[in-house]
Amino acid sequence: MSEIKGQLLGIILVLSIFGIVGTALKTVFTNMKDSVVESVENTTSGLGTMLSFKD
């Protein structure tokens, strides 16, 4: 009976660790995506103003 408890505990620990790491990675990549989108928007808006002043 204790072997089954040990295996269940091991499975629960592995799943919880994967869940924590997955959540952390999702948060990091979401923040990086937002940063890239903001940078691209700033670049394109700057380019748009440069092109409008050329006329």
N, C-alpha and C. Protein backbone atom coordinates (compact mmCIF):
# COMPACT_ATOMS: atom_id res chain seq x y z
N MET A 1 0.82 -1.20 0.00
CA MET A 1 0.00 0.00 0.00
C MET A 1 0.86 1.26 0.00
N SER A 2 2.00 1.22 0.69
CA SER A 2 2.85 2.41 0.75
C SER A 2 3.52 2.68 -0.60
N GLU A 3 3.73 1.63 -1.41
CA GLU A 3 4.30 1.83 -2.75
C GLU A 3 3.34 2.62 -3.63
N ILE A 4 2.06 2.32 -3.52
CA ILE A 4 1.06 3.04 -4.31
C ILE A 4 1.00 4.50 -3.86
N LYS A 5 1.06 4.73 -2.56
CA LYS A 5 1.05 6.10 -2.04
C LYS A 5 2.27 6.87 -2.55
N GLY A 6 3.41 6.21 -2.55
CA GLY A 6 4.64 6.86 -3.03
C GLY A 6 4.55 7.20 -4.51
N GLN A 7 3.99 6.28 -5.29
CA GLN A 7 3.86 6.54 -6.73
C GLN A 7 2.86 7.67 -6.99
N LEU A 8 1.76 7.68 -6.26
CA LEU A 8 0.78 8.75 -6.41
C LEU A 8 1.38 10.10 -6.02
N LEU A 9 2.15 10.11 -4.94
CA LEU A 9 2.81 11.34 -4.52
C LEU A 9 3.78 11.82 -5.59
N GLY A 10 4.53 10.89 -6.17
CA GLY A 10 5.47 11.24 -7.24
C GLY A 10 4.76 11.82 -8.44
N ILE A 11 3.65 11.22 -8.84
CA ILE A 11 2.88 11.72 -9.98
C ILE A 11 2.33 13.11 -9.69
N ILE A 12 1.80 13.30 -8.49
CA ILE A 12 1.25 14.61 -8.11
C ILE A 12 2.35 15.66 -8.11
N LEU A 13 3.53 15.33 -7.58
CA LEU A 13 4.64 16.28 -7.56
C LEU A 13 5.08 16.65 -8.97
N VAL A 14 5.20 15.66 -9.85
CA VAL A 14 5.62 15.93 -11.22
C VAL A 14 4.60 16.81 -11.93
N LEU A 15 3.33 16.50 -11.77
CA LEU A 15 2.29 17.31 -12.43
C LEU A 15 2.27 18.74 -11.89
N SER A 16 2.45 18.89 -10.59
CA SER A 16 2.44 20.24 -10.02
C SER A 16 3.67 21.03 -10.48
N ILE A 17 4.82 20.39 -10.57
CA ILE A 17 6.03 21.07 -11.04
C ILE A 17 5.85 21.50 -12.50
N PHE A 18 5.33 20.61 -13.34
CA PHE A 18 5.08 20.98 -14.74
C PHE A 18 4.07 22.12 -14.83
N GLY A 19 3.07 22.11 -13.98
CA GLY A 19 2.08 23.19 -13.98
C GLY A 19 2.69 24.52 -13.60
N ILE A 20 3.54 24.51 -12.59
CA ILE A 20 4.19 25.75 -12.14
C ILE A 20 5.13 26.27 -13.23
N VAL A 21 5.93 25.40 -13.80
CA VAL A 21 6.86 25.82 -14.85
C VAL A 21 6.09 26.29 -16.08
N GLY A 22 5.04 25.60 -16.44
CA GLY A 22 4.24 26.00 -17.60
C GLY A 22 3.60 27.36 -17.40
N THR A 23 3.08 27.61 -16.22
CA THR A 23 2.49 28.92 -15.92
C THR A 23 3.53 30.02 -15.97
N ALA A 24 4.70 29.76 -15.42
CA ALA A 24 5.78 30.75 -15.44
C ALA A 24 6.20 31.06 -16.87
N LEU A 25 6.36 30.04 -17.69
CA LEU A 25 6.77 30.25 -19.08
C LEU A 25 5.70 31.01 -19.86
N LYS A 26 4.44 30.68 -19.62
CA LYS A 26 3.35 31.39 -20.32
C LYS A 26 3.37 32.87 -19.96
N THR A 27 3.58 33.17 -18.68
CA THR A 27 3.64 34.56 -18.24
C THR A 27 4.81 35.29 -18.88
N VAL A 28 5.97 34.65 -18.92
CA VAL A 28 7.16 35.28 -19.50
C VAL A 28 6.95 35.55 -20.98
N PHE A 29 6.44 34.57 -21.71
CA PHE A 29 6.25 34.76 -23.15
C PHE A 29 5.15 35.77 -23.45
N THR A 30 4.13 35.83 -22.63
CA THR A 30 3.09 36.84 -22.82
C THR A 30 3.66 38.25 -22.64
N ASN A 31 4.48 38.42 -21.60
CA ASN A 31 5.11 39.73 -21.37
C ASN A 31 6.05 40.09 -22.51
N MET A 32 6.81 39.11 -23.01
CA MET A 32 7.72 39.37 -24.12
C MET A 32 6.94 39.75 -25.37
N LYS A 33 5.82 39.08 -25.61
CA LYS A 33 5.00 39.38 -26.79
C LYS A 33 4.46 40.79 -26.71
N ASP A 34 3.98 41.17 -25.53
CA ASP A 34 3.45 42.53 -25.36
C ASP A 34 4.54 43.57 -25.60
N SER A 35 5.74 43.28 -25.13
CA SER A 35 6.86 44.20 -25.33
C SER A 35 7.20 44.35 -26.81
N VAL A 36 7.21 43.24 -27.53
CA VAL A 36 7.52 43.28 -28.96
C VAL A 36 6.43 44.02 -29.72
N VAL A 37 5.18 43.77 -29.39
CA VAL A 37 4.08 44.46 -30.07
C VAL A 37 4.17 45.96 -29.83
N GLU A 38 4.46 46.36 -28.60
CA GLU A 38 4.59 47.78 -28.30
C GLU A 38 5.75 48.41 -29.07
N SER A 39 6.85 47.68 -29.17
CA SER A 39 8.01 48.19 -29.90
C SER A 39 7.70 48.34 -31.39
N VAL A 40 7.02 47.36 -31.95
CA VAL A 40 6.67 47.44 -33.37
C VAL A 40 5.69 48.58 -33.62
N GLU A 41 4.73 48.77 -32.74
CA GLU A 41 3.77 49.87 -32.90
C GLU A 41 4.49 51.22 -32.83
N ASN A 42 5.45 51.34 -31.91
CA ASN A 42 6.20 52.59 -31.81
C ASN A 42 7.03 52.84 -33.06
N THR A 43 7.62 51.78 -33.61
CA THR A 43 8.44 51.92 -34.80
C THR A 43 7.59 52.31 -36.00
N THR A 44 6.45 51.66 -36.16
CA THR A 44 5.61 51.96 -37.32
C THR A 44 4.97 53.33 -37.19
N SER A 45 4.64 53.75 -35.97
CA SER A 45 4.06 55.09 -35.83
C SER A 45 5.13 56.15 -36.09
N GLY A 46 6.36 55.90 -35.68
CA GLY A 46 7.45 56.82 -35.97
C GLY A 46 7.74 56.90 -37.45
N LEU A 47 7.67 55.76 -38.12
CA LEU A 47 7.88 55.73 -39.56
C LEU A 47 6.76 56.47 -40.28
N GLY A 48 5.54 56.32 -39.79
CA GLY A 48 4.40 57.01 -40.39
C GLY A 48 4.53 58.52 -40.28
N THR A 49 5.00 59.01 -39.14
CA THR A 49 5.16 60.46 -39.00
C THR A 49 6.31 60.95 -39.86
N MET A 50 7.35 60.15 -40.02
CA MET A 50 8.46 60.56 -40.88
C MET A 50 7.99 60.66 -42.33
N LEU A 51 7.17 59.73 -42.77
CA LEU A 51 6.69 59.73 -44.14
C LEU A 51 5.72 60.88 -44.37
N SER A 52 4.91 61.23 -43.38
CA SER A 52 3.95 62.32 -43.56
C SER A 52 4.65 63.68 -43.62
N PHE A 53 5.80 63.82 -42.97
CA PHE A 53 6.53 65.11 -43.02
C PHE A 53 7.28 65.28 -44.33
N LYS A 54 7.45 64.20 -45.10
CA LYS A 54 8.18 64.30 -46.37
C LYS A 54 7.39 65.08 -47.41
N ASP A 55 6.08 65.08 -47.32
CA ASP A 55 5.25 65.73 -48.33
C ASP A 55 5.47 67.15 -48.30
